Amino acid sequence: MLASRSARVALKSTTTRVIASNVSRRALSQLRPASKTLFATSVNSVKRSAFAPSAPVTLVRMNSTVVKVPDMAESLTEGTLRDFSVKVGDFVQADQVVATIETDKIDVEVNAPFSGTITELLAQPEDTVEVGQDLYKIEQGEAPEGGATPPAAEAPKEETPAAETPKQEAPKQEAPKKEAAAPAPTPAPAPKKEAPKKESKPVETFTAFARTESRVKMNRMRQRIAERLKESQNTAASLTTFNEVDMSSILELRKLYKDEIIKKKDIKFGFMGLFSKAATLAMKDIPAVNGAIEGDQLVYRDYVDISVAVATPKGLVTPVVRNAESLSVLEIEQEISNLGKKARDGKLTLEDMAGGTFTISNGGVFGSLYGTPIINLPQTAVLGLHGVKERPVTVNGQIVSRPMMYLALTYDHRMVDGREAVTFLKTVKELIEDPRKMLLY
């Protein structure tokens, strides 16, 4: 009796556990999809919140600063953009050259106002740009440290699979290479090589007698030089007077002191300093040579700013030695040396070439024997020096050989009379032939 009752109780509890187990399985199966959906929904919401476009994060950037074409000089209002030395996205340091503008006189470098990243280029090379025009945009900031990391990290990733694949396929690749090399020495390429050789002979014969030409666009400096030279011929009443000077005393002076001057001053003792000083002294007697015409007025100056003609790969430039009347011969030589170096290095500034009241051109350094220089407006005269050549001359009734140089003074006859021009050139000649006379002025 008791056994049957306990059996019934055990059977009942077992049935209850089975039913509960079945119920829990069904409940769990119903809960699992819901939990999956809930989890997926939460993940998707996180993804959308993390990767969806966000205005404050991706669309809003720091304000870029617009850099404009700088003021170059009073007489220069535009130039040609030669090139940009950077591209969009490049980081530049403060004062780093970003663009170069070619003007009538010099190349103007446009530097970065501060360190930052170039965000936009607002002009194209060869464009004509005016002073104040927008040139490029730059966003201030520090150099991006992470910018160089991704390429470095990507490089090994790309190299690793590339290195693994050839290892597996190496034997397969070697076979076709050997097979490809085998048919190479076939007779087929031989006739192909002979055919062009036969055809090239008449072509070479033809090009040997061909007449060709090339066209190169004038840069702004060359265009301006052409305009000013033609303007000078059309405006000034140009006339040239000549004389010749015995260079014996000057050459002897250089021979005696050139080594000492190089040792003490570190400059070469040339002709330009002496001729410049002689010209400034001669202007005391003939001030019109240092003058100018402005409208209906004649301008006389009590200072002398000598423009020294210097040849550069881009053309002739004339940097200015200022207040030459107050400088010694060696001080003038020092200034000319400094300006000449800056001109050849392309580092002249507009201030170096602004103004000028009188020009000296030394064609003798290129072997010129004789020539007529053109006036550099608005100046009224230019002195041309030429090569020194041994020529027979008469001295005290005797024919002797002397180192001689031809001098040429081109002047504007509207302001300078012939008598004044001849007197000026004669005074220069006398001071050069006897440099001691310079001490008397």
Protein backbone atom coordinates (compact mmCIF):
# COMPACT_ATOMS: atom_id res chain seq x y z
CA MET A 1 0.00 0.00 0.00
CA LEU A 2 2.73 2.38 1.01
CA ALA A 3 4.84 1.24 -1.91
CA SER A 4 2.16 1.93 -4.44
CA ARG A 5 1.55 5.39 -2.93
CA SER A 6 5.23 6.31 -3.07
CA ALA A 7 5.37 5.08 -6.62
CA ARG A 8 2.47 7.31 -7.54
CA VAL A 9 4.15 10.30 -5.86
CA ALA A 10 7.40 9.63 -7.70
CA LEU A 11 5.57 9.28 -10.98
CA LYS A 12 3.72 12.54 -10.36
CA SER A 13 6.92 14.45 -9.53
CA THR A 14 8.62 13.06 -12.60
CA THR A 15 5.71 14.10 -14.78
CA THR A 16 5.77 17.57 -13.25
CA ARG A 17 9.48 17.92 -13.99
CA VAL A 18 8.96 16.81 -17.57
CA ILE A 19 6.11 19.27 -18.08
CA ALA A 20 8.16 22.06 -16.47
CA SER A 21 11.08 21.18 -18.64
CA ASN A 22 8.95 21.32 -21.77
CA VAL A 23 7.45 24.63 -20.69
CA SER A 24 10.90 26.10 -20.00
CA ARG A 25 12.13 24.94 -23.41
CA ARG A 26 9.18 26.57 -25.15
CA ALA A 27 9.61 29.75 -23.15
CA LEU A 28 13.30 29.83 -23.85
CA SER A 29 12.74 29.28 -27.55
CA GLN A 30 10.34 32.21 -27.55
CA LEU A 31 12.76 34.40 -25.58
CA ARG A 32 15.80 33.69 -27.75
CA PRO A 33 14.49 35.40 -30.95
CA ALA A 34 13.43 38.37 -28.90
CA SER A 35 16.84 38.64 -27.28
CA LYS A 36 18.51 38.27 -30.65
CA THR A 37 16.31 41.00 -32.08
CA LEU A 38 16.97 43.21 -29.10
CA PHE A 39 20.73 42.62 -29.37
CA ALA A 40 20.74 43.24 -33.12
CA THR A 41 18.71 46.39 -32.67
CA SER A 42 21.10 47.69 -30.04
CA VAL A 43 24.12 46.87 -32.20
CA ASN A 44 22.59 48.53 -35.27
CA SER A 45 21.75 51.60 -33.24
CA VAL A 46 25.36 51.73 -32.04
CA LYS A 47 26.61 51.33 -35.60
CA ARG A 48 24.34 54.08 -36.86
CA SER A 49 25.34 56.41 -34.07
CA ALA A 50 29.03 55.68 -34.60
CA PHE A 51 29.26 55.83 -38.39
CA ALA A 52 26.40 58.04 -39.55
CA PRO A 53 27.49 61.54 -40.77
CA SER A 54 27.70 63.94 -37.88
CA ALA A 55 27.93 67.67 -38.64
CA PRO A 56 30.08 68.64 -35.67
CA VAL A 57 32.59 65.84 -36.37
CA THR A 58 33.06 65.50 -40.12
CA LEU A 59 31.45 68.51 -41.72
CA VAL A 60 32.64 71.29 -39.47
CA ARG A 61 36.28 72.29 -40.05
CA MET A 62 38.45 75.05 -38.77
CA ASN A 63 38.26 78.22 -40.82
CA SER A 64 40.87 78.41 -43.56
CA THR A 65 42.78 81.63 -44.04
CA VAL A 66 42.88 83.09 -47.54
CA VAL A 67 46.35 84.28 -48.57
CA LYS A 68 46.34 87.02 -51.19
CA VAL A 69 48.89 88.20 -53.73
CA PRO A 70 51.14 90.56 -51.74
CA ASP A 71 52.10 94.12 -52.59
CA MET A 72 55.21 93.95 -54.76
CA ALA A 73 56.11 97.56 -55.55
CA GLU A 74 54.43 100.82 -56.42
CA SER A 75 54.96 100.25 -60.13
CA LEU A 76 53.95 96.57 -60.09
CA THR A 77 50.26 95.68 -59.93
CA GLU A 78 50.27 92.20 -61.44
CA GLY A 79 52.44 89.22 -62.27
CA THR A 80 52.37 85.72 -63.69
CA LEU A 81 51.97 82.79 -61.31
CA ARG A 82 54.94 80.64 -62.22
CA ASP A 83 54.12 77.67 -60.00
CA PHE A 84 53.03 76.37 -56.62
CA SER A 85 55.71 74.54 -54.66
CA VAL A 86 53.06 72.62 -52.70
CA LYS A 87 49.78 70.85 -53.36
CA VAL A 88 46.46 70.59 -51.54
CA GLY A 89 46.84 68.60 -48.33
CA ASP A 90 50.52 69.43 -47.86
CA PHE A 91 51.66 70.69 -44.47
CA VAL A 92 53.89 73.77 -44.60
CA GLN A 93 55.97 75.56 -42.02
CA ALA A 94 55.68 79.27 -41.32
CA ASP A 95 57.55 81.35 -43.94
CA GLN A 96 57.89 78.35 -46.25
CA VAL A 97 57.65 79.26 -49.95
CA VAL A 98 54.23 78.28 -51.29
CA ALA A 99 54.11 80.08 -54.64
CA THR A 100 56.36 82.08 -56.97
CA ILE A 101 55.08 85.04 -58.98
CA GLU A 102 57.09 86.29 -61.94
CA THR A 103 57.01 90.07 -62.37
CA ASP A 104 58.54 92.53 -64.79
CA LYS A 105 61.65 92.84 -62.65
CA ILE A 106 62.08 89.92 -60.26
CA ASP A 107 60.43 86.73 -59.03
CA VAL A 108 58.35 87.32 -55.89
CA GLU A 109 58.06 84.43 -53.44
CA VAL A 110 54.81 84.10 -51.49
CA ASN A 111 55.42 82.47 -48.10
CA ALA A 112 53.06 80.76 -45.67
CA PRO A 113 51.96 83.21 -42.93
CA PHE A 114 51.96 80.41 -40.34
CA SER A 115 52.31 76.64 -40.05
CA GLY A 116 49.34 74.72 -41.37
CA THR A 117 47.81 72.63 -44.13
CA ILE A 118 47.09 73.86 -47.65
CA THR A 119 43.35 73.39 -48.23
CA GLU A 120 42.82 74.99 -51.63
CA LEU A 121 44.75 76.55 -54.52
CA LEU A 122 42.84 79.46 -56.03
CA ALA A 123 44.91 80.04 -59.18
CA GLN A 124 46.65 78.05 -61.88
CA PRO A 125 50.25 78.28 -63.13
CA GLU A 126 50.65 80.82 -65.96
CA ASP A 127 47.62 82.78 -64.68
CA THR A 128 47.98 86.55 -64.48
CA VAL A 129 47.38 87.49 -60.85
CA GLU A 130 46.87 90.98 -59.46
CA VAL A 131 47.90 92.43 -56.12
CA GLY A 132 45.25 91.58 -53.53
CA GLN A 133 43.83 88.63 -55.48
CA ASP A 134 43.07 85.42 -53.56
CA LEU A 135 45.91 82.97 -54.13
CA TYR A 136 45.47 79.97 -51.81
CA LYS A 137 43.87 78.84 -48.55
CA ILE A 138 45.68 77.49 -45.52
CA GLU A 139 44.33 75.99 -42.29
CA GLN A 140 46.45 76.73 -39.25
CA GLY A 141 47.60 73.75 -37.21
CA GLU A 142 50.45 71.48 -36.25
CA ALA A 143 52.03 68.82 -38.43
CA PRO A 144 49.81 65.70 -38.54
CA GLU A 145 51.62 62.94 -36.65
CA GLY A 146 49.21 60.19 -37.64
CA GLY A 147 49.33 61.11 -41.29
CA ALA A 148 52.57 59.23 -41.86
CA THR A 149 51.54 56.20 -39.80
CA PRO A 150 48.90 54.62 -42.08
CA PRO A 151 51.19 54.38 -45.10
CA ALA A 152 53.87 52.75 -42.94
CA ALA A 153 51.34 50.30 -41.51
CA GLU A 154 49.88 49.49 -44.89
CA ALA A 155 53.22 48.86 -46.51
CA PRO A 156 54.09 45.69 -44.58
CA LYS A 157 50.55 44.38 -45.03
CA GLU A 158 50.87 44.67 -48.74
CA GLU A 159 54.34 43.20 -48.76
CA THR A 160 53.42 40.15 -46.61
CA PRO A 161 50.78 38.64 -48.91
CA ALA A 162 52.89 39.53 -51.90
CA ALA A 163 55.77 37.63 -50.35
CA GLU A 164 53.60 34.64 -49.46
CA THR A 165 52.01 34.18 -52.87
CA PRO A 166 55.24 33.93 -54.82
CA LYS A 167 56.57 31.34 -52.41
CA GLN A 168 53.67 29.03 -53.22
CA GLU A 169 53.64 29.75 -56.93
CA ALA A 170 57.39 30.07 -57.36
CA PRO A 171 57.91 26.77 -59.14
CA LYS A 172 54.99 27.47 -61.46
CA GLN A 173 56.31 30.91 -62.37
CA GLU A 174 59.85 29.74 -63.03
CA ALA A 175 58.75 27.25 -65.66
CA PRO A 176 56.97 29.73 -67.93
CA LYS A 177 59.90 32.15 -67.59
CA LYS A 178 62.25 29.51 -68.93
CA GLU A 179 59.79 28.61 -71.65
CA ALA A 180 59.40 32.26 -72.58
CA ALA A 181 63.14 32.67 -72.74
CA ALA A 182 63.51 29.74 -75.09
CA PRO A 183 61.56 31.11 -78.07
CA ALA A 184 63.28 34.48 -77.70
CA PRO A 185 66.34 33.63 -79.85
CA THR A 186 64.11 32.69 -82.79
CA PRO A 187 64.94 34.25 -86.17
CA ALA A 188 61.75 36.35 -86.05
CA PRO A 189 63.23 39.37 -84.21
CA ALA A 190 66.20 39.60 -86.58
CA PRO A 191 64.18 40.81 -89.60
CA LYS A 192 62.23 43.17 -87.34
CA LYS A 193 65.48 44.88 -86.32
CA GLU A 194 66.71 45.11 -89.88
CA ALA A 195 63.51 46.69 -91.18
CA PRO A 196 63.69 49.86 -89.07
CA LYS A 197 67.39 50.23 -89.86
CA LYS A 198 66.64 50.33 -93.58
CA GLU A 199 63.81 52.82 -93.05
CA SER A 200 65.82 55.06 -90.71
CA LYS A 201 68.52 55.83 -93.28
CA PRO A 202 66.43 58.07 -95.51
CA VAL A 203 64.87 59.68 -92.42
CA GLU A 204 68.29 60.63 -91.06
CA THR A 205 69.30 61.99 -94.45
CA PHE A 206 66.15 64.08 -94.56
CA THR A 207 66.48 65.52 -91.04
CA ALA A 208 70.10 66.44 -91.70
CA PHE A 209 68.92 69.03 -94.24
CA ALA A 210 65.67 69.93 -92.48
CA ARG A 211 65.12 73.55 -91.41
CA THR A 212 63.50 73.72 -88.00
CA GLU A 213 62.49 76.45 -85.62
CA SER A 214 61.15 76.62 -82.10
CA ARG A 215 58.93 79.14 -80.38
CA VAL A 216 59.32 80.07 -76.73
CA LYS A 217 56.93 82.38 -74.95
CA MET A 218 58.59 85.50 -73.56
CA ASN A 219 58.62 85.67 -69.79
CA ARG A 220 57.36 88.82 -68.10
CA MET A 221 60.86 90.17 -67.53
CA ARG A 222 61.79 89.82 -71.19
CA GLN A 223 58.50 91.40 -72.24
CA ARG A 224 59.10 94.34 -69.92
CA ILE A 225 62.68 94.76 -71.13
CA ALA A 226 61.44 94.87 -74.73
CA GLU A 227 58.75 97.41 -73.86
CA ARG A 228 61.10 99.70 -71.95
CA LEU A 229 63.84 99.61 -74.58
CA LYS A 230 61.37 100.51 -77.31
CA GLU A 231 59.83 103.16 -75.09
CA SER A 232 63.28 104.65 -74.56
CA GLN A 233 63.94 104.86 -78.29
CA ASN A 234 60.52 106.37 -78.93
CA THR A 235 60.66 108.89 -76.07
CA ALA A 236 64.23 110.13 -75.64
CA ALA A 237 66.18 112.13 -78.19
CA SER A 238 69.08 109.69 -77.88
CA LEU A 239 72.55 110.60 -79.05
CA THR A 240 75.88 108.86 -78.33
CA THR A 241 79.30 110.44 -77.97
CA PHE A 242 82.54 108.43 -77.79
CA ASN A 243 86.01 108.70 -76.36
CA GLU A 244 88.88 106.38 -75.56
CA VAL A 245 90.84 106.07 -72.35
CA ASP A 246 94.34 104.82 -71.63
CA MET A 247 93.95 102.19 -68.91
CA SER A 248 97.66 101.97 -68.05
CA SER A 249 97.38 103.80 -64.71
CA ILE A 250 94.33 101.82 -63.60
CA LEU A 251 95.89 98.49 -64.50
CA GLU A 252 99.06 99.43 -62.62
CA LEU A 253 96.99 100.50 -59.61
CA ARG A 254 95.15 97.19 -59.62
CA LYS A 255 98.38 95.26 -59.94
CA LEU A 256 99.85 97.00 -56.89
CA TYR A 257 96.88 96.73 -54.52
CA LYS A 258 94.52 93.97 -55.67
CA ASP A 259 96.04 91.31 -53.38
CA GLU A 260 96.02 93.63 -50.38
CA ILE A 261 92.41 94.64 -51.07
CA ILE A 262 91.31 91.03 -51.34
CA LYS A 263 93.08 90.25 -48.07
CA LYS A 264 91.63 93.20 -46.15
CA LYS A 265 88.22 93.69 -47.80
CA ASP A 266 87.62 90.31 -49.43
CA ILE A 267 86.55 91.98 -52.68
CA LYS A 268 87.99 92.13 -56.18
CA PHE A 269 89.41 95.46 -57.27
CA GLY A 270 87.71 95.97 -60.62
CA PHE A 271 86.95 98.84 -62.97
CA MET A 272 83.38 99.59 -61.89
CA GLY A 273 84.27 101.25 -58.60
CA LEU A 274 86.73 103.64 -60.25
CA PHE A 275 84.44 104.51 -63.16
CA SER A 276 81.49 105.02 -60.80
CA LYS A 277 83.53 107.36 -58.64
CA ALA A 278 84.83 109.23 -61.67
CA ALA A 279 81.26 109.64 -62.96
CA THR A 280 79.96 111.01 -59.66
CA LEU A 281 82.79 113.55 -59.58
CA ALA A 282 82.19 114.59 -63.18
CA MET A 283 78.51 115.16 -62.37
CA LYS A 284 79.49 117.98 -60.05
CA ASP A 285 80.43 119.95 -63.15
CA ILE A 286 77.67 118.55 -65.40
CA PRO A 287 74.60 117.89 -63.16
CA ALA A 288 72.27 117.46 -66.15
CA VAL A 289 73.73 114.00 -66.76
CA ASN A 290 72.25 112.96 -63.40
CA GLY A 291 68.91 114.64 -64.00
CA ALA A 292 65.53 113.69 -65.42
CA ILE A 293 62.60 115.15 -67.34
CA GLU A 294 59.20 115.06 -65.63
CA GLY A 295 56.50 116.63 -67.73
CA ASP A 296 57.62 120.16 -68.50
CA GLN A 297 60.17 120.26 -65.68
CA LEU A 298 63.88 119.45 -65.52
CA VAL A 299 64.85 117.64 -62.32
CA TYR A 300 68.37 118.11 -60.93
CA ARG A 301 69.50 115.84 -58.09
CA ASP A 302 72.19 116.35 -55.47
CA TYR A 303 72.51 112.61 -54.90
CA VAL A 304 73.70 109.88 -57.26
CA ASP A 305 72.10 106.43 -57.36
CA ILE A 306 74.02 104.38 -59.92
CA SER A 307 72.21 101.56 -61.69
CA VAL A 308 74.68 98.78 -62.47
CA ALA A 309 73.69 96.58 -65.41
CA VAL A 310 74.00 92.88 -64.52
CA ALA A 311 73.26 90.04 -66.94
CA THR A 312 71.24 87.12 -65.56
CA PRO A 313 69.82 83.99 -67.24
CA LYS A 314 66.40 85.68 -67.36
CA GLY A 315 67.62 88.99 -68.73
CA LEU A 316 69.34 92.24 -67.84
CA VAL A 317 68.69 93.71 -64.40
CA THR A 318 69.94 96.99 -62.96
CA PRO A 319 70.38 96.95 -59.17
CA VAL A 320 71.17 100.32 -57.64
CA VAL A 321 74.17 101.54 -55.64
CA ARG A 322 72.63 104.31 -53.56
CA ASN A 323 74.34 107.55 -52.57
CA ALA A 324 77.41 106.68 -54.61
CA GLU A 325 78.63 110.27 -54.31
CA SER A 326 79.33 109.69 -50.60
CA LEU A 327 81.02 106.29 -51.00
CA SER A 328 84.68 105.53 -51.55
CA VAL A 329 85.93 103.51 -54.51
CA LEU A 330 86.20 100.35 -52.43
CA GLU A 331 82.80 100.89 -50.82
CA ILE A 332 81.26 101.14 -54.28
CA GLU A 333 83.09 97.97 -55.30
CA GLN A 334 81.71 96.21 -52.23
CA GLU A 335 78.14 97.26 -53.03
CA ILE A 336 78.47 96.23 -56.67
CA SER A 337 79.90 92.87 -55.64
CA ASN A 338 77.02 92.23 -53.23
CA LEU A 339 74.37 93.25 -55.74
CA GLY A 340 75.95 91.21 -58.52
CA LYS A 341 75.94 88.08 -56.36
CA LYS A 342 72.32 88.62 -55.38
CA ALA A 343 71.38 89.10 -59.03
CA ARG A 344 73.08 85.89 -60.16
CA ASP A 345 71.51 83.97 -57.26
CA GLY A 346 68.08 85.36 -58.07
CA LYS A 347 67.76 87.03 -54.66
CA LEU A 348 67.37 90.65 -55.68
CA THR A 349 64.48 92.50 -54.08
CA LEU A 350 62.39 95.24 -55.63
CA GLU A 351 64.06 97.71 -53.28
CA ASP A 352 67.43 96.74 -54.75
CA MET A 353 66.32 97.89 -58.21
CA ALA A 354 64.01 100.77 -57.42
CA GLY A 355 65.10 104.21 -58.55
CA GLY A 356 68.47 104.91 -60.10
CA THR A 357 69.64 108.22 -61.55
CA PHE A 358 72.48 107.10 -63.85
CA THR A 359 73.46 103.76 -65.38
CA ILE A 360 76.85 102.17 -66.08
CA SER A 361 76.96 99.14 -68.38
CA ASN A 362 80.16 97.12 -68.72
CA GLY A 363 80.00 95.14 -71.94
CA GLY A 364 83.74 94.61 -71.79
CA VAL A 365 83.31 91.61 -69.49
CA PHE A 366 81.72 89.82 -72.47
CA GLY A 367 84.37 90.96 -74.94
CA SER A 368 82.57 93.99 -76.37
CA LEU A 369 84.85 96.39 -78.22
CA TYR A 370 82.37 99.07 -79.21
CA GLY A 371 78.68 99.77 -78.71
CA THR A 372 75.93 102.29 -78.07
CA PRO A 373 73.96 101.67 -74.86
CA ILE A 374 70.27 102.57 -74.57
CA ILE A 375 69.05 105.03 -71.94
CA ASN A 376 67.23 103.55 -68.95
CA LEU A 377 64.23 105.87 -68.67
CA PRO A 378 63.50 108.12 -66.84
CA GLN A 379 67.26 108.65 -66.59
CA THR A 380 68.95 110.94 -69.08
CA ALA A 381 72.28 109.18 -69.66
CA VAL A 382 74.09 105.85 -69.60
CA LEU A 383 77.83 105.19 -69.69
CA GLY A 384 79.03 102.16 -71.64
CA LEU A 385 82.37 100.51 -70.87
CA HIS A 386 84.04 98.12 -73.29
CA GLY A 387 86.95 95.72 -73.53
CA VAL A 388 90.56 96.71 -72.92
CA LYS A 389 92.72 96.09 -75.99
CA GLU A 390 96.36 96.80 -76.71
CA ARG A 391 96.42 99.36 -79.52
CA PRO A 392 99.10 101.59 -81.04
CA VAL A 393 98.80 105.19 -79.88
CA THR A 394 101.06 108.23 -80.01
CA VAL A 395 102.58 109.47 -76.76
CA ASN A 396 104.88 112.50 -76.95
CA GLY A 397 105.34 111.92 -80.65
CA GLN A 398 106.19 108.27 -80.20
CA ILE A 399 104.06 105.34 -81.36
CA VAL A 400 103.61 103.00 -78.42
CA SER A 401 101.30 100.17 -77.48
CA ARG A 402 98.83 100.97 -74.70
CA PRO A 403 95.84 99.18 -73.15
CA MET A 404 92.93 101.22 -74.48
CA MET A 405 89.20 101.19 -73.82
CA TYR A 406 86.41 102.85 -75.79
CA LEU A 407 83.86 104.78 -73.76
CA ALA A 408 80.34 105.54 -74.99
CA LEU A 409 77.91 107.99 -73.40
CA THR A 410 74.34 107.87 -74.66
CA TYR A 411 72.32 110.86 -73.45
CA ASP A 412 68.91 112.43 -73.87
CA HIS A 413 69.51 115.48 -76.01
CA ARG A 414 66.31 117.04 -74.70
CA MET A 415 68.06 117.73 -71.38
CA VAL A 416 71.79 117.29 -72.02
CA ASP A 417 73.50 119.43 -74.63
CA GLY A 418 76.28 118.05 -76.81
CA ARG A 419 78.86 120.25 -75.12
CA GLU A 420 77.85 118.95 -71.70
CA ALA A 421 77.97 115.32 -72.83
CA VAL A 422 81.43 115.68 -74.37
CA THR A 423 82.73 117.56 -71.32
CA PHE A 424 81.38 114.93 -68.96
CA LEU A 425 82.96 112.05 -70.88
CA LYS A 426 86.25 113.91 -71.21
CA THR A 427 86.34 114.48 -67.43
CA VAL A 428 85.75 110.78 -66.78
CA LYS A 429 88.59 109.96 -69.18
CA GLU A 430 91.00 112.31 -67.41
CA LEU A 431 90.15 110.96 -63.95
CA ILE A 432 90.67 107.37 -65.07
CA GLU A 433 93.95 108.09 -66.82
CA ASP A 434 95.24 109.82 -63.68
CA PRO A 435 93.31 108.53 -60.62
CA ARG A 436 95.22 110.94 -58.35
CA LYS A 437 93.05 113.75 -59.68
CA MET A 438 90.07 112.23 -57.84
CA LEU A 439 91.66 113.50 -54.62
CA LEU A 440 91.30 117.08 -55.87
CA TYR A 441 87.48 117.00 -55.94
